[in-house]
Amino acid sequence: METKKENEELIEKIMRGLDLTYKKLIESKKRNNEELVILKDNQIIKVKPE
């Protein structure tokens, strides 16, 4: 069984990975002049990354 510290470390790694993925997604959308599609208030919205 994993300890609390191991769980916290795993969560931290996952959060860093998600942050990095988000940054790469934004860069890719900017580079290719594409829109981001997001869900906000139960509505689908297309946004140009800046």
C-alpha atoms as a PDB file:
ATOM      1  CA  MET A   1       0.000   0.000   0.000  1.00  0.00           C
ATOM      2  CA  GLU A   2       1.224   3.470  -0.837  1.00  0.00           C
ATOM      3  CA  THR A   3       1.949   5.945   1.881  1.00  0.00           C
ATOM      4  CA  LYS A   4       0.429   9.414   2.104  1.00  0.00           C
ATOM      5  CA  LYS A   5       3.730  10.945   0.944  1.00  0.00           C
ATOM      6  CA  GLU A   6       3.835   8.674  -2.122  1.00  0.00           C
ATOM      7  CA  ASN A   7       0.249   9.622  -2.956  1.00  0.00           C
ATOM      8  CA  GLU A   8       1.079  13.329  -2.646  1.00  0.00           C
ATOM      9  CA  GLU A   9       4.121  12.892  -4.913  1.00  0.00           C
ATOM     10  CA  LEU A  10       2.009  11.053  -7.499  1.00  0.00           C
ATOM     11  CA  ILE A  11      -0.637  13.778  -7.418  1.00  0.00           C
ATOM     12  CA  GLU A  12       2.060  16.431  -7.870  1.00  0.00           C
ATOM     13  CA  LYS A  13       3.497  14.583 -10.909  1.00  0.00           C
ATOM     14  CA  ILE A  14       0.044  14.251 -12.442  1.00  0.00           C
ATOM     15  CA  MET A  15      -0.672  17.960 -11.927  1.00  0.00           C
ATOM     16  CA  ARG A  16       2.672  18.954 -13.508  1.00  0.00           C
ATOM     17  CA  GLY A  17       1.908  16.665 -16.446  1.00  0.00           C
ATOM     18  CA  LEU A  18      -1.535  18.203 -16.933  1.00  0.00           C
ATOM     19  CA  ASP A  19      -0.059  21.709 -16.770  1.00  0.00           C
ATOM     20  CA  LEU A  20       2.586  20.839 -19.356  1.00  0.00           C
ATOM     21  CA  THR A  21      -0.021  19.237 -21.640  1.00  0.00           C
ATOM     22  CA  TYR A  22      -2.235  22.324 -21.387  1.00  0.00           C
ATOM     23  CA  LYS A  23       0.674  24.613 -22.296  1.00  0.00           C
ATOM     24  CA  LYS A  24       1.590  22.433 -25.290  1.00  0.00           C
ATOM     25  CA  LEU A  25      -2.040  22.428 -26.449  1.00  0.00           C
ATOM     26  CA  ILE A  26      -2.212  26.239 -26.333  1.00  0.00           C
ATOM     27  CA  GLU A  27       1.102  26.567 -28.197  1.00  0.00           C
ATOM     28  CA  SER A  28      -0.068  24.122 -30.863  1.00  0.00           C
ATOM     29  CA  LYS A  29      -3.385  25.929 -31.349  1.00  0.00           C
ATOM     30  CA  LYS A  30      -1.587  29.283 -31.661  1.00  0.00           C
ATOM     31  CA  ARG A  31       0.952  27.908 -34.103  1.00  0.00           C
ATOM     32  CA  ASN A  32      -1.725  26.336 -36.322  1.00  0.00           C
ATOM     33  CA  ASN A  33      -4.150  29.264 -35.963  1.00  0.00           C
ATOM     34  CA  GLU A  34      -6.842  26.937 -34.588  1.00  0.00           C
ATOM     35  CA  GLU A  35      -9.598  27.505 -32.065  1.00  0.00           C
ATOM     36  CA  LEU A  36      -9.866  25.944 -28.623  1.00  0.00           C
ATOM     37  CA  VAL A  37     -13.188  24.292 -27.908  1.00  0.00           C
ATOM     38  CA  ILE A  38     -14.252  24.538 -24.272  1.00  0.00           C
ATOM     39  CA  LEU A  39     -17.358  23.829 -22.225  1.00  0.00           C
ATOM     40  CA  LYS A  40     -18.530  26.776 -20.128  1.00  0.00           C
ATOM     41  CA  ASP A  41     -21.847  26.950 -18.312  1.00  0.00           C
ATOM     42  CA  ASN A  42     -23.056  23.877 -20.242  1.00  0.00           C
ATOM     43  CA  GLN A  43     -22.371  25.596 -23.569  1.00  0.00           C
ATOM     44  CA  ILE A  44     -19.711  24.732 -26.131  1.00  0.00           C
ATOM     45  CA  ILE A  45     -17.559  27.764 -26.905  1.00  0.00           C
ATOM     46  CA  LYS A  46     -14.822  28.213 -29.520  1.00  0.00           C
ATOM     47  CA  VAL A  47     -11.974  30.538 -28.475  1.00  0.00           C
ATOM     48  CA  LYS A  48      -8.941  31.805 -30.370  1.00  0.00           C
ATOM     49  CA  PRO A  49      -5.834  31.375 -28.186  1.00  0.00           C
ATOM     50  CA  GLU A  50      -3.878  34.565 -27.614  1.00  0.00           C
END
